[in-house]
Amino acid sequence: MRLSLLVLCAAALALGGCGTHVRSAQEVRLERDATWLVLPLVNRTSTPQAGLRAQAITEAVLARHGAARVESFVDDNGDGLLFEAASPESRQAMRDWVAAQQGRYVVSGVVHEWRYKTGVDGEPAVGVMLEIRDPSGRLLYTGTAARAGWARQSLSETGQRVIDKLIAPVMD
């Protein structure tokens, strides 16, 4: 009896360890039929182009949740590919692009973690903060989520789960 209870507790702890931890500032519902503008996320990791990867996943997650129109900022001059969205020039180019669009919501944020952990299993670990603002810059929603996946999961799959947990509450 004690052994089965110990096994059950260990299994519960193991499953809980791979959960996505989410914190958000407020409960809001945003319009799916609006135009969503997605900016590259600032990359605060040592993984090159993590912000661009997170941007691409954010586009797909928004579309999956029914966003009617998703437009994505593309840096045509190639500056900032390693440290995307961090330079003053990149931020100004994004502000100019948002001002020229007819978007209702602007999605941006920061990637805090995007890597495989070192060790035998090399589990994927992702940490993301997303913000949704109106074009004037007024904050509508902010949330932070993190997840450590299983050894056989891909980094992209883990990133998708994290970003989905952040987007779902504002669209579902």
N, C-alpha and C. Protein backbone atom coordinates (compact mmCIF):
# COMPACT_ATOMS: atom_id res chain seq x y z
N MET A 1 0.81 -1.19 0.00
CA MET A 1 0.00 0.00 0.00
C MET A 1 0.86 1.26 0.00
N ARG A 2 1.89 1.29 0.89
CA ARG A 2 2.77 2.45 0.96
C ARG A 2 3.55 2.62 -0.33
N LEU A 3 3.97 1.50 -0.93
CA LEU A 3 4.74 1.56 -2.17
C LEU A 3 3.89 2.15 -3.29
N SER A 4 2.64 1.73 -3.41
CA SER A 4 1.79 2.26 -4.46
C SER A 4 1.51 3.75 -4.24
N LEU A 5 1.37 4.17 -2.98
CA LEU A 5 1.18 5.58 -2.68
C LEU A 5 2.41 6.39 -3.06
N LEU A 6 3.58 5.86 -2.78
CA LEU A 6 4.83 6.53 -3.17
C LEU A 6 4.96 6.64 -4.68
N VAL A 7 4.63 5.57 -5.38
CA VAL A 7 4.69 5.58 -6.84
C VAL A 7 3.70 6.61 -7.39
N LEU A 8 2.50 6.68 -6.86
CA LEU A 8 1.50 7.64 -7.29
C LEU A 8 1.97 9.07 -7.06
N CYS A 9 2.56 9.35 -5.90
CA CYS A 9 3.07 10.68 -5.59
C CYS A 9 4.23 11.05 -6.52
N ALA A 10 5.11 10.13 -6.78
CA ALA A 10 6.24 10.38 -7.68
C ALA A 10 5.74 10.67 -9.09
N ALA A 11 4.75 9.94 -9.54
CA ALA A 11 4.18 10.17 -10.88
C ALA A 11 3.53 11.54 -10.96
N ALA A 12 2.82 11.94 -9.92
CA ALA A 12 2.18 13.25 -9.91
C ALA A 12 3.22 14.36 -9.94
N LEU A 13 4.30 14.20 -9.21
CA LEU A 13 5.37 15.20 -9.23
C LEU A 13 6.04 15.27 -10.59
N ALA A 14 6.26 14.13 -11.21
CA ALA A 14 6.91 14.10 -12.52
C ALA A 14 6.03 14.77 -13.57
N LEU A 15 4.75 14.50 -13.55
CA LEU A 15 3.85 15.13 -14.52
C LEU A 15 3.71 16.61 -14.27
N GLY A 16 3.69 17.02 -13.02
CA GLY A 16 3.60 18.43 -12.70
C GLY A 16 4.83 19.20 -13.11
N GLY A 17 5.97 18.55 -13.18
CA GLY A 17 7.21 19.20 -13.55
C GLY A 17 7.24 19.68 -14.98
N CYS A 18 6.42 19.11 -15.85
CA CYS A 18 6.40 19.51 -17.25
C CYS A 18 5.24 20.44 -17.56
N GLY A 19 4.55 20.90 -16.57
CA GLY A 19 3.44 21.81 -16.80
C GLY A 19 3.93 23.17 -17.25
N THR A 20 3.03 23.91 -17.86
CA THR A 20 3.33 25.27 -18.26
C THR A 20 2.86 26.21 -17.17
N HIS A 21 3.75 27.02 -16.67
CA HIS A 21 3.43 27.97 -15.61
C HIS A 21 3.13 29.31 -16.26
N VAL A 22 1.94 29.84 -16.02
CA VAL A 22 1.50 31.07 -16.68
C VAL A 22 1.11 32.10 -15.62
N ARG A 23 1.52 33.33 -15.85
CA ARG A 23 1.08 34.46 -15.05
C ARG A 23 0.64 35.55 -16.02
N SER A 24 -0.55 36.07 -15.83
CA SER A 24 -1.01 37.16 -16.69
C SER A 24 -1.54 38.30 -15.83
N ALA A 25 -1.53 39.48 -16.43
CA ALA A 25 -1.87 40.68 -15.68
C ALA A 25 -3.37 40.86 -15.51
N GLN A 26 -4.15 40.49 -16.49
CA GLN A 26 -5.58 40.75 -16.43
C GLN A 26 -6.33 39.83 -17.37
N GLU A 27 -7.61 39.72 -17.13
CA GLU A 27 -8.47 38.91 -17.98
C GLU A 27 -9.08 39.83 -19.04
N VAL A 28 -8.83 39.54 -20.30
CA VAL A 28 -9.41 40.31 -21.40
C VAL A 28 -9.83 39.36 -22.50
N ARG A 29 -10.76 39.80 -23.33
CA ARG A 29 -11.15 39.07 -24.53
C ARG A 29 -10.95 40.03 -25.70
N LEU A 30 -10.13 39.63 -26.65
CA LEU A 30 -9.83 40.48 -27.79
C LEU A 30 -10.52 39.94 -29.04
N GLU A 31 -10.77 40.81 -29.99
CA GLU A 31 -11.55 40.46 -31.17
C GLU A 31 -10.73 39.65 -32.17
N ARG A 32 -11.28 38.52 -32.55
CA ARG A 32 -10.61 37.66 -33.53
C ARG A 32 -10.61 38.28 -34.93
N ASP A 33 -11.65 39.02 -35.26
CA ASP A 33 -11.77 39.53 -36.62
C ASP A 33 -10.95 40.80 -36.86
N ALA A 34 -10.19 41.22 -35.87
CA ALA A 34 -9.32 42.38 -36.01
C ALA A 34 -8.02 41.99 -36.72
N THR A 35 -7.27 43.00 -37.12
CA THR A 35 -5.94 42.76 -37.69
C THR A 35 -4.92 42.75 -36.55
N TRP A 36 -4.15 41.69 -36.50
CA TRP A 36 -3.13 41.49 -35.47
C TRP A 36 -1.76 41.74 -36.10
N LEU A 37 -0.96 42.59 -35.49
CA LEU A 37 0.40 42.88 -35.95
C LEU A 37 1.37 42.19 -35.00
N VAL A 38 2.23 41.35 -35.55
CA VAL A 38 3.16 40.59 -34.71
C VAL A 38 4.58 41.07 -34.96
N LEU A 39 5.23 41.48 -33.90
CA LEU A 39 6.62 41.95 -33.96
C LEU A 39 7.55 40.83 -33.49
N PRO A 40 8.82 40.87 -33.93
CA PRO A 40 9.79 39.91 -33.38
C PRO A 40 9.90 40.12 -31.88
N LEU A 41 10.04 39.05 -31.16
CA LEU A 41 10.22 39.15 -29.71
C LEU A 41 11.69 39.44 -29.42
N VAL A 42 11.94 40.26 -28.42
CA VAL A 42 13.31 40.57 -28.04
C VAL A 42 13.96 39.29 -27.52
N ASN A 43 15.12 39.01 -28.03
CA ASN A 43 15.84 37.79 -27.66
C ASN A 43 16.80 38.07 -26.52
N ARG A 44 16.46 37.60 -25.32
CA ARG A 44 17.32 37.75 -24.16
C ARG A 44 17.96 36.41 -23.79
N THR A 45 18.18 35.59 -24.78
CA THR A 45 18.81 34.28 -24.58
C THR A 45 20.13 34.24 -25.32
N SER A 46 20.83 33.15 -25.16
CA SER A 46 22.06 32.95 -25.93
C SER A 46 21.79 32.16 -27.21
N THR A 47 20.53 31.87 -27.48
CA THR A 47 20.14 31.13 -28.69
C THR A 47 19.87 32.10 -29.82
N PRO A 48 20.66 32.06 -30.90
CA PRO A 48 20.43 32.98 -32.01
C PRO A 48 19.03 32.82 -32.60
N GLN A 49 18.40 33.95 -32.90
CA GLN A 49 17.11 34.04 -33.57
C GLN A 49 15.95 33.44 -32.78
N ALA A 50 16.07 33.33 -31.48
CA ALA A 50 14.96 32.81 -30.67
C ALA A 50 13.74 33.72 -30.77
N GLY A 51 13.95 35.02 -30.84
CA GLY A 51 12.83 35.96 -30.96
C GLY A 51 12.10 35.82 -32.27
N LEU A 52 12.84 35.55 -33.35
CA LEU A 52 12.21 35.35 -34.66
C LEU A 52 11.44 34.03 -34.69
N ARG A 53 11.97 33.01 -34.04
CA ARG A 53 11.27 31.72 -33.95
C ARG A 53 9.97 31.89 -33.17
N ALA A 54 10.04 32.60 -32.05
CA ALA A 54 8.85 32.83 -31.24
C ALA A 54 7.83 33.67 -32.00
N GLN A 55 8.29 34.62 -32.81
CA GLN A 55 7.39 35.43 -33.63
C GLN A 55 6.62 34.54 -34.61
N ALA A 56 7.32 33.64 -35.28
CA ALA A 56 6.67 32.75 -36.24
C ALA A 56 5.64 31.84 -35.56
N ILE A 57 5.99 31.33 -34.39
CA ILE A 57 5.05 30.48 -33.64
C ILE A 57 3.84 31.30 -33.20
N THR A 58 4.06 32.54 -32.77
CA THR A 58 2.96 33.40 -32.35
C THR A 58 1.99 33.63 -33.49
N GLU A 59 2.50 33.86 -34.69
CA GLU A 59 1.62 34.01 -35.87
C GLU A 59 0.74 32.79 -36.05
N ALA A 60 1.34 31.62 -36.00
CA ALA A 60 0.60 30.38 -36.21
C ALA A 60 -0.43 30.14 -35.11
N VAL A 61 -0.07 30.44 -33.88
CA VAL A 61 -0.99 30.24 -32.75
C VAL A 61 -2.18 31.20 -32.87
N LEU A 62 -1.92 32.45 -33.24
CA LEU A 62 -3.01 33.40 -33.44
C LEU A 62 -3.98 32.91 -34.52
N ALA A 63 -3.43 32.43 -35.63
CA ALA A 63 -4.28 31.92 -36.71
C ALA A 63 -5.08 30.71 -36.24
N ARG A 64 -4.45 29.83 -35.48
CA ARG A 64 -5.15 28.64 -34.99
C ARG A 64 -6.30 29.00 -34.06
N HIS A 65 -6.16 30.10 -33.34
CA HIS A 65 -7.23 30.54 -32.44
C HIS A 65 -8.24 31.43 -33.14
N GLY A 66 -8.13 31.57 -34.45
CA GLY A 66 -9.17 32.26 -35.21
C GLY A 66 -8.91 33.70 -35.56
N ALA A 67 -7.69 34.20 -35.37
CA ALA A 67 -7.40 35.58 -35.78
C ALA A 67 -7.60 35.69 -37.29
N ALA A 68 -8.44 36.64 -37.69
CA ALA A 68 -8.82 36.76 -39.09
C ALA A 68 -7.65 37.20 -39.98
N ARG A 69 -6.86 38.13 -39.47
CA ARG A 69 -5.76 38.66 -40.28
C ARG A 69 -4.55 38.87 -39.37
N VAL A 70 -3.45 38.23 -39.70
CA VAL A 70 -2.21 38.34 -38.93
C VAL A 70 -1.13 38.86 -39.87
N GLU A 71 -0.57 40.00 -39.54
CA GLU A 71 0.53 40.59 -40.30
C GLU A 71 1.77 40.55 -39.45
N SER A 72 2.89 40.26 -40.06
CA SER A 72 4.13 40.11 -39.31
C SER A 72 5.20 41.05 -39.82
N PHE A 73 5.89 41.70 -38.90
CA PHE A 73 7.00 42.58 -39.25
C PHE A 73 8.17 41.75 -39.75
N VAL A 74 8.75 42.19 -40.87
CA VAL A 74 9.92 41.53 -41.43
C VAL A 74 11.01 42.58 -41.59
N ASP A 75 12.18 42.30 -41.03
CA ASP A 75 13.32 43.20 -41.14
C ASP A 75 14.03 42.92 -42.45
N ASP A 76 13.82 43.79 -43.44
CA ASP A 76 14.36 43.56 -44.78
C ASP A 76 15.86 43.80 -44.90
N ASN A 77 16.42 44.64 -44.03
CA ASN A 77 17.84 44.97 -44.21
C ASN A 77 18.79 43.99 -43.54
N GLY A 78 18.28 43.04 -42.79
CA GLY A 78 19.14 42.02 -42.19
C GLY A 78 19.83 42.44 -40.91
N ASP A 79 19.65 43.69 -40.47
CA ASP A 79 20.25 44.11 -39.21
C ASP A 79 19.54 43.42 -38.06
N GLY A 80 20.29 43.11 -37.05
CA GLY A 80 19.69 42.59 -35.84
C GLY A 80 19.25 41.14 -35.89
N LEU A 81 19.78 40.35 -36.81
CA LEU A 81 19.35 38.96 -36.89
C LEU A 81 19.76 38.16 -35.66
N LEU A 82 20.90 38.48 -35.09
CA LEU A 82 21.29 37.77 -33.88
C LEU A 82 20.62 38.33 -32.63
N PHE A 83 20.41 39.63 -32.60
CA PHE A 83 19.83 40.27 -31.43
C PHE A 83 18.57 41.02 -31.85
N GLU A 84 17.69 40.31 -32.51
CA GLU A 84 16.49 40.90 -33.09
C GLU A 84 15.68 41.69 -32.09
N ALA A 85 15.14 42.78 -32.56
CA ALA A 85 14.22 43.64 -31.82
C ALA A 85 14.86 44.35 -30.64
N ALA A 86 16.16 44.33 -30.52
CA ALA A 86 16.79 44.94 -29.36
C ALA A 86 17.44 46.29 -29.67
N SER A 87 17.88 46.51 -30.88
CA SER A 87 18.59 47.75 -31.18
C SER A 87 17.61 48.92 -31.32
N PRO A 88 18.07 50.14 -31.06
CA PRO A 88 17.19 51.31 -31.25
C PRO A 88 16.69 51.43 -32.70
N GLU A 89 17.54 51.07 -33.65
CA GLU A 89 17.13 51.13 -35.06
C GLU A 89 16.01 50.14 -35.35
N SER A 90 16.12 48.93 -34.81
CA SER A 90 15.08 47.92 -35.00
C SER A 90 13.77 48.37 -34.36
N ARG A 91 13.85 48.91 -33.15
CA ARG A 91 12.63 49.35 -32.46
C ARG A 91 11.97 50.49 -33.23
N GLN A 92 12.77 51.41 -33.77
CA GLN A 92 12.19 52.52 -34.54
C GLN A 92 11.55 52.00 -35.83
N ALA A 93 12.21 51.07 -36.50
CA ALA A 93 11.63 50.48 -37.72
C ALA A 93 10.30 49.79 -37.41
N MET A 94 10.22 49.12 -36.27
CA MET A 94 8.96 48.46 -35.89
C MET A 94 7.88 49.47 -35.56
N ARG A 95 8.24 50.56 -34.87
CA ARG A 95 7.25 51.61 -34.58
C ARG A 95 6.72 52.22 -35.87
N ASP A 96 7.62 52.49 -36.82
CA ASP A 96 7.21 53.05 -38.10
C ASP A 96 6.29 52.09 -38.84
N TRP A 97 6.62 50.80 -38.81
CA TRP A 97 5.81 49.80 -39.49
C TRP A 97 4.41 49.71 -38.87
N VAL A 98 4.33 49.69 -37.54
CA VAL A 98 3.03 49.64 -36.86
C VAL A 98 2.20 50.86 -37.22
N ALA A 99 2.82 52.05 -37.25
CA ALA A 99 2.09 53.27 -37.58
C ALA A 99 1.53 53.24 -39.01
N ALA A 100 2.22 52.55 -39.91
CA ALA A 100 1.79 52.48 -41.31
C ALA A 100 0.71 51.42 -41.55
N GLN A 101 0.52 50.52 -40.60
CA GLN A 101 -0.46 49.43 -40.76
C GLN A 101 -1.83 49.88 -40.25
N GLN A 102 -2.83 49.09 -40.57
CA GLN A 102 -4.18 49.33 -40.07
C GLN A 102 -4.54 48.28 -39.03
N GLY A 103 -3.62 48.02 -38.11
CA GLY A 103 -3.82 46.97 -37.12
C GLY A 103 -4.58 47.44 -35.89
N ARG A 104 -5.23 46.48 -35.25
CA ARG A 104 -5.96 46.76 -34.01
C ARG A 104 -5.14 46.37 -32.79
N TYR A 105 -4.37 45.29 -32.94
CA TYR A 105 -3.57 44.77 -31.83
C TYR A 105 -2.13 44.59 -32.27
N VAL A 106 -1.19 44.92 -31.38
CA VAL A 106 0.24 44.75 -31.64
C VAL A 106 0.77 43.77 -30.60
N VAL A 107 1.33 42.66 -31.09
CA VAL A 107 1.85 41.62 -30.21
C VAL A 107 3.37 41.71 -30.21
N SER A 108 3.95 41.82 -29.04
CA SER A 108 5.41 41.86 -28.89
C SER A 108 5.76 41.14 -27.61
N GLY A 109 7.04 41.12 -27.27
CA GLY A 109 7.43 40.48 -26.02
C GLY A 109 8.90 40.18 -25.95
N VAL A 110 9.23 39.27 -25.04
CA VAL A 110 10.62 38.92 -24.76
C VAL A 110 10.72 37.41 -24.61
N VAL A 111 11.77 36.84 -25.20
CA VAL A 111 12.08 35.43 -24.97
C VAL A 111 13.18 35.39 -23.92
N HIS A 112 12.87 34.78 -22.77
CA HIS A 112 13.83 34.70 -21.66
C HIS A 112 14.64 33.41 -21.71
N GLU A 113 14.03 32.37 -22.23
CA GLU A 113 14.71 31.08 -22.29
C GLU A 113 14.24 30.35 -23.54
N TRP A 114 15.18 29.76 -24.27
CA TRP A 114 14.88 29.01 -25.50
C TRP A 114 16.08 28.10 -25.76
N ARG A 115 16.07 26.94 -25.13
CA ARG A 115 17.24 26.09 -25.24
C ARG A 115 16.91 24.66 -24.84
N TYR A 116 17.86 23.79 -25.11
CA TYR A 116 17.82 22.44 -24.56
C TYR A 116 18.70 22.45 -23.33
N LYS A 117 18.20 21.93 -22.22
CA LYS A 117 19.00 21.84 -21.01
C LYS A 117 20.14 20.86 -21.23
N THR A 118 21.24 21.11 -20.58
CA THR A 118 22.35 20.18 -20.68
C THR A 118 22.09 18.97 -19.80
N GLY A 119 22.68 17.87 -20.15
CA GLY A 119 22.49 16.65 -19.38
C GLY A 119 22.17 15.49 -20.30
N VAL A 120 21.89 14.38 -19.72
CA VAL A 120 21.65 13.15 -20.47
C VAL A 120 20.44 13.28 -21.38
N ASP A 121 19.35 13.81 -20.86
CA ASP A 121 18.12 13.86 -21.64
C ASP A 121 17.97 15.11 -22.50
N GLY A 122 18.55 16.22 -22.11
CA GLY A 122 18.49 17.45 -22.90
C GLY A 122 17.07 17.95 -23.11
N GLU A 123 16.31 18.13 -22.03
CA GLU A 123 14.93 18.59 -22.15
C GLU A 123 14.88 20.01 -22.69
N PRO A 124 13.85 20.30 -23.51
CA PRO A 124 13.68 21.68 -23.99
C PRO A 124 13.12 22.56 -22.88
N ALA A 125 13.57 23.79 -22.83
CA ALA A 125 13.10 24.75 -21.83
C ALA A 125 12.81 26.08 -22.53
N VAL A 126 11.62 26.61 -22.30
CA VAL A 126 11.18 27.85 -22.95
C VAL A 126 10.57 28.77 -21.91
N GLY A 127 10.91 30.06 -21.99
CA GLY A 127 10.29 31.10 -21.17
C GLY A 127 10.00 32.30 -22.04
N VAL A 128 8.75 32.77 -22.04
CA VAL A 128 8.33 33.86 -22.92
C VAL A 128 7.44 34.82 -22.16
N MET A 129 7.58 36.11 -22.46
CA MET A 129 6.66 37.14 -21.99
C MET A 129 6.04 37.77 -23.23
N LEU A 130 4.71 37.83 -23.29
CA LEU A 130 4.02 38.47 -24.40
C LEU A 130 3.24 39.68 -23.91
N GLU A 131 3.20 40.69 -24.76
CA GLU A 131 2.37 41.87 -24.52
C GLU A 131 1.47 42.06 -25.73
N ILE A 132 0.26 42.49 -25.48
CA ILE A 132 -0.64 42.90 -26.56
C ILE A 132 -1.06 44.33 -26.26
N ARG A 133 -0.81 45.21 -27.20
CA ARG A 133 -1.11 46.63 -27.06
C ARG A 133 -1.98 47.09 -28.21
N ASP A 134 -2.60 48.25 -28.05
CA ASP A 134 -3.25 48.86 -29.20
C ASP A 134 -2.18 49.68 -29.93
N PRO A 135 -2.45 50.15 -31.14
CA PRO A 135 -1.41 50.87 -31.90
C PRO A 135 -0.87 52.13 -31.22
N SER A 136 -1.64 52.71 -30.31
CA SER A 136 -1.14 53.89 -29.60
C SER A 136 -0.16 53.52 -28.49
N GLY A 137 -0.06 52.23 -28.19
CA GLY A 137 0.87 51.77 -27.16
C GLY A 137 0.22 51.41 -25.85
N ARG A 138 -1.10 51.58 -25.74
CA ARG A 138 -1.80 51.25 -24.49
C ARG A 138 -1.79 49.74 -24.27
N LEU A 139 -1.32 49.31 -23.11
CA LEU A 139 -1.22 47.89 -22.78
C LEU A 139 -2.60 47.31 -22.53
N LEU A 140 -2.93 46.23 -23.28
CA LEU A 140 -4.20 45.54 -23.12
C LEU A 140 -4.04 44.24 -22.35
N TYR A 141 -2.91 43.58 -22.55
CA TYR A 141 -2.68 42.27 -21.92
C TYR A 141 -1.18 42.02 -21.84
N THR A 142 -0.76 41.42 -20.76
CA THR A 142 0.61 40.93 -20.65
C THR A 142 0.59 39.62 -19.88
N GLY A 143 1.42 38.70 -20.30
CA GLY A 143 1.51 37.42 -19.63
C GLY A 143 2.89 36.82 -19.79
N THR A 144 3.26 36.01 -18.84
CA THR A 144 4.55 35.32 -18.86
C THR A 144 4.29 33.84 -18.64
N ALA A 145 5.00 33.00 -19.40
CA ALA A 145 4.84 31.56 -19.25
C ALA A 145 6.18 30.88 -19.46
N ALA A 146 6.34 29.74 -18.82
CA ALA A 146 7.56 28.95 -18.95
C ALA A 146 7.19 27.48 -18.89
N ARG A 147 8.01 26.69 -19.55
CA ARG A 147 7.77 25.24 -19.57
C ARG A 147 9.09 24.52 -19.83
N ALA A 148 9.26 23.42 -19.14
CA ALA A 148 10.33 22.48 -19.44
C ALA A 148 9.67 21.22 -19.98
N GLY A 149 10.06 20.82 -21.17
CA GLY A 149 9.44 19.66 -21.80
C GLY A 149 10.15 18.37 -21.47
N TRP A 150 9.67 17.31 -22.07
CA TRP A 150 10.27 15.99 -21.90
C TRP A 150 11.48 15.85 -22.82
N ALA A 151 12.25 14.83 -22.60
CA ALA A 151 13.50 14.62 -23.34
C ALA A 151 13.27 14.44 -24.83
N ARG A 152 12.18 13.87 -25.24
CA ARG A 152 11.95 13.61 -26.66
C ARG A 152 11.14 14.71 -27.36
N GLN A 153 10.77 15.75 -26.64
CA GLN A 153 10.03 16.84 -27.25
C GLN A 153 10.99 17.81 -27.94
N SER A 154 10.48 18.44 -28.98
CA SER A 154 11.30 19.43 -29.66
C SER A 154 11.16 20.79 -28.97
N LEU A 155 12.12 21.63 -29.22
CA LEU A 155 12.10 22.98 -28.67
C LEU A 155 10.93 23.77 -29.26
N SER A 156 10.64 23.58 -30.54
CA SER A 156 9.52 24.27 -31.18
C SER A 156 8.19 23.84 -30.58
N GLU A 157 8.02 22.56 -30.31
CA GLU A 157 6.78 22.08 -29.70
C GLU A 157 6.59 22.70 -28.32
N THR A 158 7.65 22.75 -27.54
CA THR A 158 7.57 23.35 -26.21
C THR A 158 7.26 24.84 -26.32
N GLY A 159 7.91 25.53 -27.27
CA GLY A 159 7.62 26.95 -27.49
C GLY A 159 6.18 27.18 -27.90
N GLN A 160 5.65 26.30 -28.74
CA GLN A 160 4.26 26.43 -29.17
C GLN A 160 3.31 26.27 -27.99
N ARG A 161 3.58 25.33 -27.11
CA ARG A 161 2.72 25.13 -25.93
C ARG A 161 2.74 26.37 -25.03
N VAL A 162 3.91 26.95 -24.84
CA VAL A 162 4.03 28.13 -23.98
C VAL A 162 3.25 29.30 -24.59
N ILE A 163 3.47 29.55 -25.87
CA ILE A 163 2.82 30.69 -26.51
C ILE A 163 1.31 30.47 -26.60
N ASP A 164 0.90 29.24 -26.84
CA ASP A 164 -0.53 28.93 -26.87
C ASP A 164 -1.18 29.22 -25.52
N LYS A 165 -0.50 28.88 -24.44
CA LYS A 165 -1.04 29.15 -23.10
C LYS A 165 -1.19 30.65 -22.84
N LEU A 166 -0.37 31.47 -23.52
CA LEU A 166 -0.48 32.92 -23.35
C LEU A 166 -1.56 33.53 -24.24
N ILE A 167 -1.73 33.01 -25.45
CA ILE A 167 -2.69 33.55 -26.40
C ILE A 167 -4.11 33.06 -26.14
N ALA A 168 -4.27 31.81 -25.78
CA ALA A 168 -5.61 31.21 -25.63
C ALA A 168 -6.54 32.01 -24.71
N PRO A 169 -6.09 32.49 -23.56
CA PRO A 169 -7.04 33.18 -22.67
C PRO A 169 -7.64 34.47 -23.24
N VAL A 170 -6.97 35.11 -24.18
CA VAL A 170 -7.49 36.36 -24.71
C VAL A 170 -8.35 36.15 -25.95
N MET A 171 -8.36 34.91 -26.49
CA MET A 171 -9.11 34.68 -27.72
C MET A 171 -10.21 33.63 -27.57
N ASP A 172 -10.14 32.80 -26.58
CA ASP A 172 -11.13 31.72 -26.43
C ASP A 172 -12.26 32.13 -25.50
